[in-house]
Amino acid sequence: MNIPQTARLNFKLMGERDAQLLFDLDSDPDVMRHLTRGKVSSMQMIKEVFIPRLQAYTNPDKGWGLWQVNITDTNTFIGWVLVRPMGFFTDESNFSDIEIGWRFKQLSWGKGYASEAAKAVAEVIEKQAGVTALSATALKDNIGSIKVMQKLGMQFIKQYIHTDENGDLPAVLYRKSIEIE
């Protein structure tokens, strides 16, 4: 599966060969603010935790994985768009409800790249047989990501408490139902 190039961006699936790009992105405390409360990822964490998790859900035929996002004119890496079944790492995984997420470098913020990239990926995923919903989550104060969700046509579903190794924080779930033709 491929994601067609947009007016400004191009895409390719990421893998272990992209550890340095993932590390560079996760090295900015501001990028990680709404994910790990600003704690940056070490290269060891990228290689020993992040890459194996990525490999667990990557499925090129279905388009699951991290889609590297590059500015076409300069071939500059600016971030990624995640695609995987909702709840993939839990007992509640749902292969018809596809999670979409994103992470972008600060140099790309405020320029519409996240919305453009997420829309390009979503349009391809939504056409797949068996996909009935597209969902996204974010911490409640991550206004930028919530705006991207809304631009994708997602609706607020619920607020919940996100729990991780750093404690509990309020989060939101947005979803878009996909019309089955």
Protein backbone atom coordinates (compact mmCIF):
# COMPACT_ATOMS: atom_id res chain seq x y z
CA MET A 1 0.00 0.00 0.00
CA ASN A 2 1.16 3.50 -0.74
CA ILE A 3 0.08 6.94 0.37
CA PRO A 4 -0.05 9.30 -2.63
CA GLN A 5 2.10 12.40 -2.49
CA THR A 6 0.23 15.61 -1.61
CA ALA A 7 0.99 19.10 -2.88
CA ARG A 8 3.79 19.46 -0.31
CA LEU A 9 4.45 16.07 1.26
CA ASN A 10 5.51 12.52 0.46
CA PHE A 11 5.28 9.35 2.54
CA LYS A 12 6.96 6.00 3.13
CA LEU A 13 6.69 3.33 5.81
CA MET A 14 9.30 3.51 8.55
CA GLY A 15 11.27 0.69 10.14
CA GLU A 16 14.35 -0.06 12.20
CA ARG A 17 16.57 1.69 9.62
CA ASP A 18 14.85 4.93 10.69
CA ALA A 19 15.98 4.82 14.33
CA GLN A 20 18.00 8.03 13.96
CA LEU A 21 15.02 9.95 12.53
CA LEU A 22 12.80 8.68 15.37
CA PHE A 23 15.46 9.63 17.92
CA ASP A 24 15.88 13.12 16.44
CA LEU A 25 12.12 13.71 16.62
CA ASP A 26 11.79 12.39 20.17
CA SER A 27 14.80 14.42 21.39
CA ASP A 28 12.80 17.65 21.58
CA PRO A 29 11.11 18.13 24.98
CA ASP A 30 8.43 20.34 23.39
CA VAL A 31 7.53 17.60 20.88
CA MET A 32 7.26 15.12 23.77
CA ARG A 33 5.32 17.47 26.09
CA HIS A 34 1.90 15.94 25.34
CA LEU A 35 3.27 12.39 25.23
CA THR A 36 5.78 11.91 28.04
CA ARG A 37 5.41 15.24 29.84
CA GLY A 38 8.57 16.43 28.05
CA LYS A 39 10.81 13.46 28.82
CA VAL A 40 12.88 12.74 25.69
CA SER A 41 13.60 9.25 24.36
CA SER A 42 17.10 7.79 24.42
CA MET A 43 18.48 5.93 21.42
CA GLN A 44 18.42 2.80 23.58
CA MET A 45 14.69 3.33 24.19
CA ILE A 46 14.10 3.83 20.45
CA LYS A 47 15.97 0.64 19.57
CA GLU A 48 14.81 -1.60 22.43
CA VAL A 49 11.20 -0.46 22.95
CA PHE A 50 9.92 1.78 20.16
CA ILE A 51 11.22 -0.18 17.14
CA PRO A 52 10.00 -3.59 18.42
CA ARG A 53 6.56 -2.08 19.12
CA LEU A 54 6.54 -0.57 15.64
CA GLN A 55 7.49 -3.91 14.10
CA ALA A 56 4.69 -5.65 16.03
CA TYR A 57 1.93 -3.68 14.30
CA THR A 58 3.51 -2.82 10.95
CA ASN A 59 1.63 -4.43 8.04
CA PRO A 60 2.56 -2.90 4.67
CA ASP A 61 -0.41 -4.52 2.87
CA LYS A 62 -2.91 -2.90 5.25
CA GLY A 63 -0.95 0.33 5.63
CA TRP A 64 -0.33 -0.18 9.34
CA GLY A 65 2.83 1.34 10.74
CA LEU A 66 4.47 4.73 10.90
CA TRP A 67 4.29 6.72 7.69
CA GLN A 68 7.35 8.93 7.43
CA VAL A 69 6.39 12.43 6.31
CA ASN A 70 8.84 14.47 4.24
CA ILE A 71 8.58 17.88 2.61
CA THR A 72 8.77 17.04 -1.07
CA ASP A 73 10.74 20.10 -2.24
CA THR A 74 13.62 19.54 0.20
CA ASN A 75 13.09 15.87 1.18
CA THR A 76 13.20 17.07 4.80
CA PHE A 77 11.84 14.64 7.41
CA ILE A 78 9.29 16.47 9.55
CA GLY A 79 7.43 13.68 11.36
CA TRP A 80 5.20 10.66 11.04
CA VAL A 81 1.61 9.48 10.95
CA LEU A 82 0.76 6.30 12.88
CA VAL A 83 -1.76 3.73 11.64
CA ARG A 84 -2.73 0.61 13.63
CA PRO A 85 -5.81 -1.12 14.98
CA MET A 86 -7.29 0.63 18.02
CA GLY A 87 -6.17 -1.02 21.25
CA PHE A 88 -3.53 -3.07 19.42
CA PHE A 89 -1.45 -3.71 22.54
CA THR A 90 -4.44 -4.60 24.72
CA ASP A 91 -6.97 -7.41 24.94
CA GLU A 92 -9.46 -5.02 23.32
CA SER A 93 -7.83 -4.62 19.90
CA ASN A 94 -10.31 -3.79 17.15
CA PHE A 95 -9.19 -4.46 13.59
CA SER A 96 -12.14 -2.56 12.09
CA ASP A 97 -11.46 0.61 14.13
CA ILE A 98 -8.14 2.05 12.99
CA GLU A 99 -6.14 4.40 15.18
CA ILE A 100 -4.40 7.32 13.53
CA GLY A 101 -1.88 9.53 15.29
CA TRP A 102 0.96 11.89 14.47
CA ARG A 103 4.16 13.42 15.75
CA PHE A 104 5.91 16.33 14.04
CA LYS A 105 9.05 18.40 14.51
CA GLN A 106 8.60 21.94 15.78
CA LEU A 107 9.90 23.41 12.52
CA SER A 108 6.70 22.13 10.88
CA TRP A 109 4.21 23.34 13.49
CA GLY A 110 1.57 25.86 12.47
CA LYS A 111 1.94 25.22 8.74
CA GLY A 112 -0.85 22.67 8.23
CA TYR A 113 1.52 19.75 7.63
CA ALA A 114 0.00 17.50 10.31
CA SER A 115 -3.52 18.00 8.93
CA GLU A 116 -2.35 17.53 5.34
CA ALA A 117 -0.44 14.35 6.18
CA ALA A 118 -3.12 12.87 8.42
CA LYS A 119 -5.78 13.56 5.77
CA ALA A 120 -3.71 11.88 3.03
CA VAL A 121 -3.18 8.79 5.16
CA ALA A 122 -6.78 8.69 6.42
CA GLU A 123 -8.22 8.87 2.90
CA VAL A 124 -6.35 5.70 1.92
CA ILE A 125 -7.09 3.81 5.16
CA GLU A 126 -10.81 4.68 5.03
CA LYS A 127 -11.16 2.92 1.64
CA GLN A 128 -9.94 -0.42 2.98
CA ALA A 129 -12.37 -3.30 3.27
CA GLY A 130 -13.42 -3.95 6.84
CA VAL A 131 -12.55 -0.51 8.20
CA THR A 132 -15.62 0.91 9.94
CA ALA A 133 -14.06 3.69 12.02
CA LEU A 134 -11.03 5.91 12.32
CA SER A 135 -10.09 6.96 15.87
CA ALA A 136 -7.53 9.18 17.57
CA THR A 137 -6.61 10.03 21.14
CA ALA A 138 -4.76 12.92 22.71
CA LEU A 139 -4.22 14.46 26.09
CA LYS A 140 -7.03 16.93 26.80
CA ASP A 141 -4.74 19.96 26.63
CA ASN A 142 -3.18 18.99 23.28
CA ILE A 143 -5.21 21.54 21.33
CA GLY A 144 -3.11 21.15 18.16
CA SER A 145 -3.84 17.44 17.85
CA ILE A 146 -7.51 17.92 18.69
CA LYS A 147 -7.77 20.46 15.86
CA VAL A 148 -6.26 17.91 13.45
CA MET A 149 -8.84 15.33 14.62
CA GLN A 150 -11.64 17.80 13.95
CA LYS A 151 -10.25 18.62 10.48
CA LEU A 152 -10.37 14.89 9.73
CA GLY A 153 -14.11 14.96 10.45
CA MET A 154 -13.78 13.16 13.78
CA GLN A 155 -16.27 13.75 16.57
CA PHE A 156 -15.62 13.88 20.31
CA ILE A 157 -16.53 10.51 21.86
CA LYS A 158 -15.36 10.74 25.45
CA GLN A 159 -12.93 12.06 27.98
CA TYR A 160 -11.00 9.48 30.00
CA ILE A 161 -7.96 9.17 32.21
CA HIS A 162 -4.76 8.16 30.43
CA THR A 163 -2.45 6.22 32.72
CA ASP A 164 1.21 5.59 32.02
CA GLU A 165 4.48 5.25 33.95
CA ASN A 166 4.34 8.98 34.74
CA GLY A 167 0.87 8.94 36.29
CA ASP A 168 -2.67 9.90 35.24
CA LEU A 169 -3.76 12.67 32.89
CA PRO A 170 -7.10 13.61 31.28
CA ALA A 171 -7.32 12.51 27.64
CA VAL A 172 -9.90 12.54 24.86
CA LEU A 173 -11.06 10.09 22.22
CA TYR A 174 -12.32 11.23 18.83
CA ARG A 175 -13.80 8.98 16.13
CA LYS A 176 -15.12 9.09 12.59
CA SER A 177 -17.47 6.37 11.37
CA ILE A 178 -16.70 5.10 7.89
CA GLU A 179 -19.53 4.50 5.48
CA ILE A 180 -19.42 0.97 4.09
CA GLU A 181 -20.24 1.02 0.41
